[in-house]
PDB file of all heavy atoms in Angstrom:
ATOM      1  N   LYS A   1     -51.262 -56.653 -15.613  1.00  0.00           N
ATOM      2  CA  LYS A   1     -51.595 -55.231 -15.485  1.00  0.00           C
ATOM      3  C   LYS A   1     -52.853 -55.028 -14.647  1.00  0.00           C
ATOM      4  O   LYS A   1     -53.956 -54.872 -15.170  1.00  0.00           O
ATOM      5  CB  LYS A   1     -51.760 -54.621 -16.885  1.00  0.00           C
ATOM      6  CG  LYS A   1     -51.488 -53.124 -16.931  1.00  0.00           C
ATOM      7  CD  LYS A   1     -51.444 -52.649 -18.379  1.00  0.00           C
ATOM      8  CE  LYS A   1     -51.052 -51.193 -18.467  1.00  0.00           C
ATOM      9  NZ  LYS A   1     -51.018 -50.714 -19.862  1.00  0.00           N
ATOM     10  N   ALA A   2     -52.674 -54.990 -13.346  1.00  0.00           N
ATOM     11  CA  ALA A   2     -53.788 -54.675 -12.462  1.00  0.00           C
ATOM     12  C   ALA A   2     -54.060 -53.177 -12.491  1.00  0.00           C
ATOM     13  O   ALA A   2     -53.185 -52.379 -12.832  1.00  0.00           O
ATOM     14  CB  ALA A   2     -53.453 -55.106 -11.038  1.00  0.00           C
ATOM     15  N   ASP A   3     -55.275 -52.797 -12.163  1.00  0.00           N
ATOM     16  CA  ASP A   3     -55.573 -51.388 -11.952  1.00  0.00           C
ATOM     17  C   ASP A   3     -54.936 -50.978 -10.626  1.00  0.00           C
ATOM     18  O   ASP A   3     -55.134 -51.636  -9.592  1.00  0.00           O
ATOM     19  CB  ASP A   3     -57.082 -51.152 -11.895  1.00  0.00           C
ATOM     20  CG  ASP A   3     -57.752 -51.337 -13.239  1.00  0.00           C
ATOM     21  OD1 ASP A   3     -57.078 -51.200 -14.266  1.00  0.00           O
ATOM     22  OD2 ASP A   3     -58.965 -51.633 -13.258  1.00  0.00           O
ATOM     23  N   VAL A   4     -54.188 -49.896 -10.641  1.00  0.00           N
ATOM     24  CA  VAL A   4     -53.441 -49.456  -9.465  1.00  0.00           C
ATOM     25  C   VAL A   4     -53.592 -47.950  -9.312  1.00  0.00           C
ATOM     26  O   VAL A   4     -53.683 -47.220 -10.304  1.00  0.00           O
ATOM     27  CB  VAL A   4     -51.944 -49.827  -9.589  1.00  0.00           C
ATOM     28  CG1 VAL A   4     -51.118 -49.178  -8.482  1.00  0.00           C
ATOM     29  CG2 VAL A   4     -51.750 -51.340  -9.578  1.00  0.00           C
ATOM     30  N   CYS A   5     -53.635 -47.503  -8.082  1.00  0.00           N
ATOM     31  CA  CYS A   5     -53.551 -46.061  -7.823  1.00  0.00           C
ATOM     32  C   CYS A   5     -52.625 -45.844  -6.628  1.00  0.00           C
ATOM     33  O   CYS A   5     -52.466 -46.733  -5.778  1.00  0.00           O
ATOM     34  CB  CYS A   5     -54.921 -45.438  -7.564  1.00  0.00           C
ATOM     35  SG  CYS A   5     -55.771 -46.059  -6.097  1.00  0.00           S
ATOM     36  N   VAL A   6     -52.012 -44.679  -6.590  1.00  0.00           N
ATOM     37  CA  VAL A   6     -51.150 -44.309  -5.474  1.00  0.00           C
ATOM     38  C   VAL A   6     -51.370 -42.838  -5.145  1.00  0.00           C
ATOM     39  O   VAL A   6     -51.698 -42.031  -6.015  1.00  0.00           O
ATOM     40  CB  VAL A   6     -49.650 -44.547  -5.776  1.00  0.00           C
ATOM     41  CG1 VAL A   6     -49.376 -46.015  -6.036  1.00  0.00           C
ATOM     42  CG2 VAL A   6     -49.164 -43.700  -6.946  1.00  0.00           C
ATOM     43  N   ALA A   7     -51.213 -42.512  -3.867  1.00  0.00           N
ATOM     44  CA  ALA A   7     -51.207 -41.115  -3.421  1.00  0.00           C
ATOM     45  C   ALA A   7     -49.820 -40.817  -2.892  1.00  0.00           C
ATOM     46  O   ALA A   7     -49.340 -41.509  -1.982  1.00  0.00           O
ATOM     47  CB  ALA A   7     -52.256 -40.883  -2.346  1.00  0.00           C
ATOM     48  N   VAL A   8     -49.156 -39.831  -3.476  1.00  0.00           N
ATOM     49  CA  VAL A   8     -47.777 -39.513  -3.126  1.00  0.00           C
ATOM     50  C   VAL A   8     -47.716 -38.125  -2.498  1.00  0.00           C
ATOM     51  O   VAL A   8     -48.117 -37.132  -3.117  1.00  0.00           O
ATOM     52  CB  VAL A   8     -46.858 -39.580  -4.365  1.00  0.00           C
ATOM     53  CG1 VAL A   8     -45.429 -39.196  -3.998  1.00  0.00           C
ATOM     54  CG2 VAL A   8     -46.893 -40.977  -4.972  1.00  0.00           C
ATOM     55  N   GLY A   9     -47.225 -38.058  -1.277  1.00  0.00           N
ATOM     56  CA  GLY A   9     -47.010 -36.777  -0.623  1.00  0.00           C
ATOM     57  C   GLY A   9     -45.717 -36.157  -1.119  1.00  0.00           C
ATOM     58  O   GLY A   9     -44.754 -36.864  -1.426  1.00  0.00           O
ATOM     59  N   TYR A  10     -45.686 -34.824  -1.188  1.00  0.00           N
ATOM     60  CA  TYR A  10     -44.467 -34.149  -1.660  1.00  0.00           C
ATOM     61  C   TYR A  10     -44.408 -32.735  -1.113  1.00  0.00           C
ATOM     62  O   TYR A  10     -45.427 -32.144  -0.712  1.00  0.00           O
ATOM     63  CB  TYR A  10     -44.400 -34.134  -3.196  1.00  0.00           C
ATOM     64  CG  TYR A  10     -45.488 -33.333  -3.887  1.00  0.00           C
ATOM     65  CD1 TYR A  10     -45.234 -32.052  -4.374  1.00  0.00           C
ATOM     66  CD2 TYR A  10     -46.765 -33.854  -4.069  1.00  0.00           C
ATOM     67  CE1 TYR A  10     -46.216 -31.317  -5.023  1.00  0.00           C
ATOM     68  CE2 TYR A  10     -47.754 -33.132  -4.718  1.00  0.00           C
ATOM     69  CZ  TYR A  10     -47.482 -31.861  -5.186  1.00  0.00           C
ATOM     70  OH  TYR A  10     -48.472 -31.133  -5.820  1.00  0.00           O
ATOM     71  N   LEU A  11     -43.203 -32.208  -1.107  1.00  0.00           N
ATOM     72  CA  LEU A  11     -42.950 -30.853  -0.626  1.00  0.00           C
ATOM     73  C   LEU A  11     -42.745 -29.907  -1.797  1.00  0.00           C
ATOM     74  O   LEU A  11     -42.000 -30.227  -2.721  1.00  0.00           O
ATOM     75  CB  LEU A  11     -41.696 -30.846   0.259  1.00  0.00           C
ATOM     76  CG  LEU A  11     -41.248 -29.489   0.806  1.00  0.00           C
ATOM     77  CD1 LEU A  11     -42.187 -29.026   1.915  1.00  0.00           C
ATOM     78  CD2 LEU A  11     -39.819 -29.565   1.334  1.00  0.00           C
ATOM     79  N   ILE A  12     -43.414 -28.769  -1.758  1.00  0.00           N
ATOM     80  CA  ILE A  12     -43.122 -27.675  -2.685  1.00  0.00           C
ATOM     81  C   ILE A  12     -42.230 -26.703  -1.935  1.00  0.00           C
ATOM     82  O   ILE A  12     -42.619 -26.151  -0.900  1.00  0.00           O
ATOM     83  CB  ILE A  12     -44.405 -26.969  -3.163  1.00  0.00           C
ATOM     84  CG1 ILE A  12     -45.332 -27.950  -3.879  1.00  0.00           C
ATOM     85  CG2 ILE A  12     -44.054 -25.800  -4.090  1.00  0.00           C
ATOM     86  CD1 ILE A  12     -46.662 -27.350  -4.276  1.00  0.00           C
ATOM     87  N   GLY A  13     -41.005 -26.543  -2.428  1.00  0.00           N
ATOM     88  CA  GLY A  13     -40.051 -25.667  -1.763  1.00  0.00           C
ATOM     89  C   GLY A  13     -40.281 -24.203  -2.095  1.00  0.00           C
ATOM     90  O   GLY A  13     -41.114 -23.846  -2.933  1.00  0.00           O
ATOM     91  N   LYS A  14     -39.525 -23.339  -1.442  1.00  0.00           N
ATOM     92  CA  LYS A  14     -39.664 -21.899  -1.667  1.00  0.00           C
ATOM     93  C   LYS A  14     -39.419 -21.519  -3.117  1.00  0.00           C
ATOM     94  O   LYS A  14     -39.971 -20.536  -3.608  1.00  0.00           O
ATOM     95  CB  LYS A  14     -38.683 -21.144  -0.763  1.00  0.00           C
ATOM     96  CG  LYS A  14     -38.981 -21.271   0.720  1.00  0.00           C
ATOM     97  CD  LYS A  14     -37.943 -20.502   1.541  1.00  0.00           C
ATOM     98  CE  LYS A  14     -38.227 -20.608   3.030  1.00  0.00           C
ATOM     99  NZ  LYS A  14     -37.242 -19.859   3.842  1.00  0.00           N
ATOM    100  N   ASP A  15     -38.580 -22.316  -3.796  1.00  0.00           N
ATOM    101  CA  ASP A  15     -38.267 -22.007  -5.192  1.00  0.00           C
ATOM    102  C   ASP A  15     -39.225 -22.679  -6.170  1.00  0.00           C
ATOM    103  O   ASP A  15     -39.040 -22.596  -7.388  1.00  0.00           O
ATOM    104  CB  ASP A  15     -36.832 -22.418  -5.515  1.00  0.00           C
ATOM    105  CG  ASP A  15     -36.600 -23.915  -5.310  1.00  0.00           C
ATOM    106  OD1 ASP A  15     -37.530 -24.622  -4.881  1.00  0.00           O
ATOM    107  OD2 ASP A  15     -35.469 -24.380  -5.580  1.00  0.00           O
ATOM    108  N   GLY A  16     -40.263 -23.357  -5.651  1.00  0.00           N
ATOM    109  CA  GLY A  16     -41.272 -23.975  -6.517  1.00  0.00           C
ATOM    110  C   GLY A  16     -40.931 -25.374  -6.994  1.00  0.00           C
ATOM    111  O   GLY A  16     -41.731 -25.984  -7.710  1.00  0.00           O
ATOM    112  N   THR A  17     -39.758 -25.902  -6.621  1.00  0.00           N
ATOM    113  CA  THR A  17     -39.423 -27.264  -7.005  1.00  0.00           C
ATOM    114  C   THR A  17     -40.067 -28.245  -6.025  1.00  0.00           C
ATOM    115  O   THR A  17     -40.490 -27.874  -4.922  1.00  0.00           O
ATOM    116  CB  THR A  17     -37.901 -27.484  -7.017  1.00  0.00           C
ATOM    117  OG1 THR A  17     -37.379 -27.203  -5.712  1.00  0.00           O
ATOM    118  CG2 THR A  17     -37.241 -26.582  -8.043  1.00  0.00           C
ATOM    119  N   THR A  18     -40.117 -29.506  -6.436  1.00  0.00           N
ATOM    120  CA  THR A  18     -40.757 -30.535  -5.618  1.00  0.00           C
ATOM    121  C   THR A  18     -39.716 -31.536  -5.120  1.00  0.00           C
ATOM    122  O   THR A  18     -38.738 -31.829  -5.811  1.00  0.00           O
ATOM    123  CB  THR A  18     -41.834 -31.280  -6.430  1.00  0.00           C
ATOM    124  OG1 THR A  18     -41.234 -31.842  -7.601  1.00  0.00           O
ATOM    125  CG2 THR A  18     -42.953 -30.337  -6.841  1.00  0.00           C
ATOM    126  N   SER A  19     -39.956 -32.069  -3.918  1.00  0.00           N
ATOM    127  CA  SER A  19     -39.033 -33.034  -3.327  1.00  0.00           C
ATOM    128  C   SER A  19     -39.751 -33.768  -2.202  1.00  0.00           C
ATOM    129  O   SER A  19     -40.956 -33.592  -1.994  1.00  0.00           O
ATOM    130  CB  SER A  19     -37.777 -32.338  -2.788  1.00  0.00           C
ATOM    131  OG  SER A  19     -38.116 -31.453  -1.732  1.00  0.00           O
ATOM    132  N   GLU A  20     -38.989 -34.591  -1.473  1.00  0.00           N
ATOM    133  CA  GLU A  20     -39.494 -35.310  -0.305  1.00  0.00           C
ATOM    134  C   GLU A  20     -40.721 -36.170  -0.636  1.00  0.00           C
ATOM    135  O   GLU A  20     -41.753 -36.094   0.007  1.00  0.00           O
ATOM    136  CB  GLU A  20     -39.830 -34.337   0.828  1.00  0.00           C
ATOM    137  CG  GLU A  20     -38.658 -33.523   1.319  1.00  0.00           C
ATOM    138  CD  GLU A  20     -37.576 -34.370   1.985  1.00  0.00           C
ATOM    139  OE1 GLU A  20     -37.861 -35.509   2.395  1.00  0.00           O
ATOM    140  OE2 GLU A  20     -36.438 -33.882   2.068  1.00  0.00           O
ATOM    141  N   PHE A  21     -40.589 -37.027  -1.641  1.00  0.00           N
ATOM    142  CA  PHE A  21     -41.703 -37.846  -2.098  1.00  0.00           C
ATOM    143  C   PHE A  21     -41.887 -39.062  -1.188  1.00  0.00           C
ATOM    144  O   PHE A  21     -40.934 -39.758  -0.880  1.00  0.00           O
ATOM    145  CB  PHE A  21     -41.452 -38.314  -3.533  1.00  0.00           C
ATOM    146  CG  PHE A  21     -41.018 -37.211  -4.458  1.00  0.00           C
ATOM    147  CD1 PHE A  21     -39.719 -37.184  -4.944  1.00  0.00           C
ATOM    148  CD2 PHE A  21     -41.886 -36.198  -4.814  1.00  0.00           C
ATOM    149  CE1 PHE A  21     -39.303 -36.167  -5.784  1.00  0.00           C
ATOM    150  CE2 PHE A  21     -41.479 -35.180  -5.651  1.00  0.00           C
ATOM    151  CZ  PHE A  21     -40.185 -35.153  -6.132  1.00  0.00           C
ATOM    152  N   SER A  22     -43.138 -39.320  -0.802  1.00  0.00           N
ATOM    153  CA  SER A  22     -43.477 -40.511  -0.019  1.00  0.00           C
ATOM    154  C   SER A  22     -44.843 -41.015  -0.456  1.00  0.00           C
ATOM    155  O   SER A  22     -45.802 -40.227  -0.541  1.00  0.00           O
ATOM    156  CB  SER A  22     -43.523 -40.206   1.483  1.00  0.00           C
ATOM    157  OG  SER A  22     -42.230 -40.002   2.005  1.00  0.00           O
ATOM    158  N   MET A  23     -44.930 -42.314  -0.745  1.00  0.00           N
ATOM    159  CA  MET A  23     -46.215 -42.901  -1.088  1.00  0.00           C
ATOM    160  C   MET A  23     -47.017 -43.086   0.194  1.00  0.00           C
ATOM    161  O   MET A  23     -46.644 -43.866   1.071  1.00  0.00           O
ATOM    162  CB  MET A  23     -46.028 -44.235  -1.812  1.00  0.00           C
ATOM    163  CG  MET A  23     -47.322 -44.783  -2.389  1.00  0.00           C
ATOM    164  SD  MET A  23     -47.044 -46.213  -3.480  1.00  0.00           S
ATOM    165  CE  MET A  23     -46.531 -47.445  -2.279  1.00  0.00           C
ATOM    166  N   LEU A  24     -48.109 -42.366   0.323  1.00  0.00           N
ATOM    167  CA  LEU A  24     -48.897 -42.362   1.544  1.00  0.00           C
ATOM    168  C   LEU A  24     -50.056 -43.345   1.513  1.00  0.00           C
ATOM    169  O   LEU A  24     -50.582 -43.726   2.566  1.00  0.00           O
ATOM    170  CB  LEU A  24     -49.443 -40.953   1.804  1.00  0.00           C
ATOM    171  CG  LEU A  24     -48.409 -39.829   1.908  1.00  0.00           C
ATOM    172  CD1 LEU A  24     -49.099 -38.496   2.111  1.00  0.00           C
ATOM    173  CD2 LEU A  24     -47.418 -40.105   3.027  1.00  0.00           C
ATOM    174  N   LYS A  25     -50.469 -43.750   0.315  1.00  0.00           N
ATOM    175  CA  LYS A  25     -51.621 -44.638   0.192  1.00  0.00           C
ATOM    176  C   LYS A  25     -51.554 -45.323  -1.163  1.00  0.00           C
ATOM    177  O   LYS A  25     -51.071 -44.730  -2.134  1.00  0.00           O
ATOM    178  CB  LYS A  25     -52.925 -43.835   0.330  1.00  0.00           C
ATOM    179  CG  LYS A  25     -54.190 -44.651   0.469  1.00  0.00           C
ATOM    180  CD  LYS A  25     -55.386 -43.716   0.707  1.00  0.00           C
ATOM    181  CE  LYS A  25     -56.690 -44.474   0.844  1.00  0.00           C
ATOM    182  NZ  LYS A  25     -57.841 -43.553   1.059  1.00  0.00           N
ATOM    183  N   SER A  26     -52.022 -46.568  -1.233  1.00  0.00           N
ATOM    184  CA  SER A  26     -52.000 -47.272  -2.510  1.00  0.00           C
ATOM    185  C   SER A  26     -53.086 -48.324  -2.535  1.00  0.00           C
ATOM    186  O   SER A  26     -53.614 -48.739  -1.494  1.00  0.00           O
ATOM    187  CB  SER A  26     -50.629 -47.913  -2.745  1.00  0.00           C
ATOM    188  OG  SER A  26     -50.312 -48.785  -1.678  1.00  0.00           O
ATOM    189  N   TRP A  27     -53.409 -48.770  -3.734  1.00  0.00           N
ATOM    190  CA  TRP A  27     -54.486 -49.756  -3.928  1.00  0.00           C
ATOM    191  C   TRP A  27     -54.257 -50.487  -5.237  1.00  0.00           C
ATOM    192  O   TRP A  27     -53.786 -49.899  -6.215  1.00  0.00           O
ATOM    193  CB  TRP A  27     -55.833 -49.038  -3.952  1.00  0.00           C
ATOM    194  CG  TRP A  27     -57.025 -49.914  -4.176  1.00  0.00           C
ATOM    195  CD1 TRP A  27     -57.797 -50.527  -3.227  1.00  0.00           C
ATOM    196  CD2 TRP A  27     -57.630 -50.257  -5.435  1.00  0.00           C
ATOM    197  NE1 TRP A  27     -58.818 -51.234  -3.807  1.00  0.00           N
ATOM    198  CE2 TRP A  27     -58.733 -51.085  -5.172  1.00  0.00           C
ATOM    199  CE3 TRP A  27     -57.322 -49.945  -6.765  1.00  0.00           C
ATOM    200  CZ2 TRP A  27     -59.533 -51.598  -6.186  1.00  0.00           C
ATOM    201  CZ3 TRP A  27     -58.118 -50.458  -7.768  1.00  0.00           C
ATOM    202  CH2 TRP A  27     -59.215 -51.272  -7.475  1.00  0.00           C
ATOM    203  N   ALA A  28     -54.556 -51.781  -5.243  1.00  0.00           N
ATOM    204  CA  ALA A  28     -54.486 -52.590  -6.468  1.00  0.00           C
ATOM    205  C   ALA A  28     -55.771 -53.392  -6.595  1.00  0.00           C
ATOM    206  O   ALA A  28     -56.379 -53.782  -5.589  1.00  0.00           O
ATOM    207  CB  ALA A  28     -53.276 -53.517  -6.433  1.00  0.00           C
ATOM    208  N   SER A  29     -56.181 -53.655  -7.835  1.00  0.00           N
ATOM    209  CA  SER A  29     -57.487 -54.275  -8.081  1.00  0.00           C
ATOM    210  C   SER A  29     -57.512 -55.773  -7.858  1.00  0.00           C
ATOM    211  O   SER A  29     -58.585 -56.361  -7.769  1.00  0.00           O
ATOM    212  CB  SER A  29     -57.942 -53.973  -9.519  1.00  0.00           C
ATOM    213  OG  SER A  29     -57.001 -54.509 -10.448  1.00  0.00           O
ATOM    214  N   THR A  30     -56.359 -56.422  -7.792  1.00  0.00           N
ATOM    215  CA  THR A  30     -56.324 -57.869  -7.617  1.00  0.00           C
ATOM    216  C   THR A  30     -55.516 -58.232  -6.382  1.00  0.00           C
ATOM    217  O   THR A  30     -54.553 -57.547  -6.028  1.00  0.00           O
ATOM    218  CB  THR A  30     -55.702 -58.565  -8.841  1.00  0.00           C
ATOM    219  OG1 THR A  30     -54.353 -58.110  -8.998  1.00  0.00           O
ATOM    220  CG2 THR A  30     -56.495 -58.260 -10.103  1.00  0.00           C
ATOM    221  N   LYS A  31     -55.890 -59.328  -5.762  1.00  0.00           N
ATOM    222  CA  LYS A  31     -55.207 -59.767  -4.552  1.00  0.00           C
ATOM    223  C   LYS A  31     -53.782 -60.204  -4.839  1.00  0.00           C
ATOM    224  O   LYS A  31     -52.906 -60.087  -3.998  1.00  0.00           O
ATOM    225  CB  LYS A  31     -55.986 -60.913  -3.907  1.00  0.00           C
ATOM    226  CG  LYS A  31     -57.320 -60.493  -3.320  1.00  0.00           C
ATOM    227  CD  LYS A  31     -58.019 -61.661  -2.637  1.00  0.00           C
ATOM    228  CE  LYS A  31     -59.341 -61.229  -2.032  1.00  0.00           C
ATOM    229  NZ  LYS A  31     -60.036 -62.358  -1.375  1.00  0.00           N
ATOM    230  N   SER A  32     -53.543 -60.724  -6.024  1.00  0.00           N
ATOM    231  CA  SER A  32     -52.200 -61.187  -6.357  1.00  0.00           C
ATOM    232  C   SER A  32     -51.232 -60.030  -6.586  1.00  0.00           C
ATOM    233  O   SER A  32     -50.024 -60.182  -6.488  1.00  0.00           O
ATOM    234  CB  SER A  32     -52.225 -62.065  -7.610  1.00  0.00           C
ATOM    235  OG  SER A  32     -52.740 -61.342  -8.708  1.00  0.00           O
ATOM    236  N   ALA A  33     -51.790 -58.863  -6.918  1.00  0.00           N
ATOM    237  CA  ALA A  33     -50.941 -57.685  -7.137  1.00  0.00           C
ATOM    238  C   ALA A  33     -50.541 -57.084  -5.795  1.00  0.00           C
ATOM    239  O   ALA A  33     -51.227 -57.233  -4.796  1.00  0.00           O
ATOM    240  CB  ALA A  33     -51.678 -56.644  -7.970  1.00  0.00           C
ATOM    241  N   GLY A  34     -49.438 -56.426  -5.814  1.00  0.00           N
ATOM    242  CA  GLY A  34     -49.041 -55.696  -4.620  1.00  0.00           C
ATOM    243  C   GLY A  34     -48.295 -56.509  -3.595  1.00  0.00           C
ATOM    244  O   GLY A  34     -48.144 -56.079  -2.452  1.00  0.00           O
ATOM    245  N   ASP A  35     -47.836 -57.704  -3.955  1.00  0.00           N
ATOM    246  CA  ASP A  35     -47.081 -58.522  -3.019  1.00  0.00           C
ATOM    247  C   ASP A  35     -45.606 -58.150  -3.096  1.00  0.00           C
ATOM    248  O   ASP A  35     -44.960 -58.351  -4.114  1.00  0.00           O
ATOM    249  CB  ASP A  35     -47.262 -60.010  -3.331  1.00  0.00           C
ATOM    250  CG  ASP A  35     -48.668 -60.486  -3.009  1.00  0.00           C
ATOM    251  OD1 ASP A  35     -49.279 -59.912  -2.100  1.00  0.00           O
ATOM    252  OD2 ASP A  35     -49.149 -61.418  -3.668  1.00  0.00           O
ATOM    253  N   GLY A  36     -45.076 -57.621  -2.024  1.00  0.00           N
ATOM    254  CA  GLY A  36     -43.648 -57.337  -1.977  1.00  0.00           C
ATOM    255  C   GLY A  36     -43.307 -55.879  -2.180  1.00  0.00           C
ATOM    256  O   GLY A  36     -44.010 -55.138  -2.868  1.00  0.00           O
ATOM    257  N   ASP A  37     -42.199 -55.481  -1.572  1.00  0.00           N
ATOM    258  CA  ASP A  37     -41.745 -54.097  -1.661  1.00  0.00           C
ATOM    259  C   ASP A  37     -41.367 -53.700  -3.084  1.00  0.00           C
ATOM    260  O   ASP A  37     -41.550 -52.548  -3.484  1.00  0.00           O
ATOM    261  CB  ASP A  37     -40.533 -53.899  -0.751  1.00  0.00           C
ATOM    262  CG  ASP A  37     -40.904 -53.952   0.730  1.00  0.00           C
ATOM    263  OD1 ASP A  37     -42.107 -53.865   1.039  1.00  0.00           O
ATOM    264  OD2 ASP A  37     -39.993 -54.090   1.547  1.00  0.00           O
ATOM    265  N   ALA A  38     -40.836 -54.648  -3.854  1.00  0.00           N
ATOM    266  CA  ALA A  38     -40.404 -54.319  -5.217  1.00  0.00           C
ATOM    267  C   ALA A  38     -41.578 -53.857  -6.067  1.00  0.00           C
ATOM    268  O   ALA A  38     -41.440 -52.964  -6.907  1.00  0.00           O
ATOM    269  CB  ALA A  38     -39.717 -55.522  -5.862  1.00  0.00           C
ATOM    270  N   TYR A  39     -42.731 -54.475  -5.857  1.00  0.00           N
ATOM    271  CA  TYR A  39     -43.918 -54.114  -6.648  1.00  0.00           C
ATOM    272  C   TYR A  39     -44.293 -52.649  -6.398  1.00  0.00           C
ATOM    273  O   TYR A  39     -44.349 -51.842  -7.331  1.00  0.00           O
ATOM    274  CB  TYR A  39     -45.077 -55.033  -6.286  1.00  0.00           C
ATOM    275  CG  TYR A  39     -46.336 -54.788  -7.100  1.00  0.00           C
ATOM    276  CD1 TYR A  39     -46.505 -55.394  -8.336  1.00  0.00           C
ATOM    277  CD2 TYR A  39     -47.342 -53.950  -6.633  1.00  0.00           C
ATOM    278  CE1 TYR A  39     -47.648 -55.175  -9.091  1.00  0.00           C
ATOM    279  CE2 TYR A  39     -48.482 -53.724  -7.380  1.00  0.00           C
ATOM    280  CZ  TYR A  39     -48.633 -54.342  -8.602  1.00  0.00           C
ATOM    281  OH  TYR A  39     -49.766 -54.105  -9.338  1.00  0.00           O
ATOM    282  N   TRP A  40     -44.508 -52.308  -5.132  1.00  0.00           N
ATOM    283  CA  TRP A  40     -44.951 -50.942  -4.839  1.00  0.00           C
ATOM    284  C   TRP A  40     -43.823 -49.939  -5.028  1.00  0.00           C
ATOM    285  O   TRP A  40     -44.059 -48.771  -5.343  1.00  0.00           O
ATOM    286  CB  TRP A  40     -45.513 -50.870  -3.419  1.00  0.00           C
ATOM    287  CG  TRP A  40     -46.845 -51.538  -3.323  1.00  0.00           C
ATOM    288  CD1 TRP A  40     -47.153 -52.668  -2.634  1.00  0.00           C
ATOM    289  CD2 TRP A  40     -48.048 -51.131  -3.974  1.00  0.00           C
ATOM    290  NE1 TRP A  40     -48.468 -52.983  -2.817  1.00  0.00           N
ATOM    291  CE2 TRP A  40     -49.049 -52.054  -3.632  1.00  0.00           C
ATOM    292  CE3 TRP A  40     -48.378 -50.076  -4.820  1.00  0.00           C
ATOM    293  CZ2 TRP A  40     -50.355 -51.964  -4.098  1.00  0.00           C
ATOM    294  CZ3 TRP A  40     -49.690 -49.973  -5.294  1.00  0.00           C
ATOM    295  CH2 TRP A  40     -50.656 -50.910  -4.922  1.00  0.00           C
TER     296      TRP A  40
END
């Protein structure tokens, strides 16, 4: 359990719902964490 943070971009539509999620930035506290697409 590394300390992790992510910033996720998203769209608020005209009806107030959210969609179009994309992780724009991320960080993990240990070098061993974050290896591979499956992790993030």
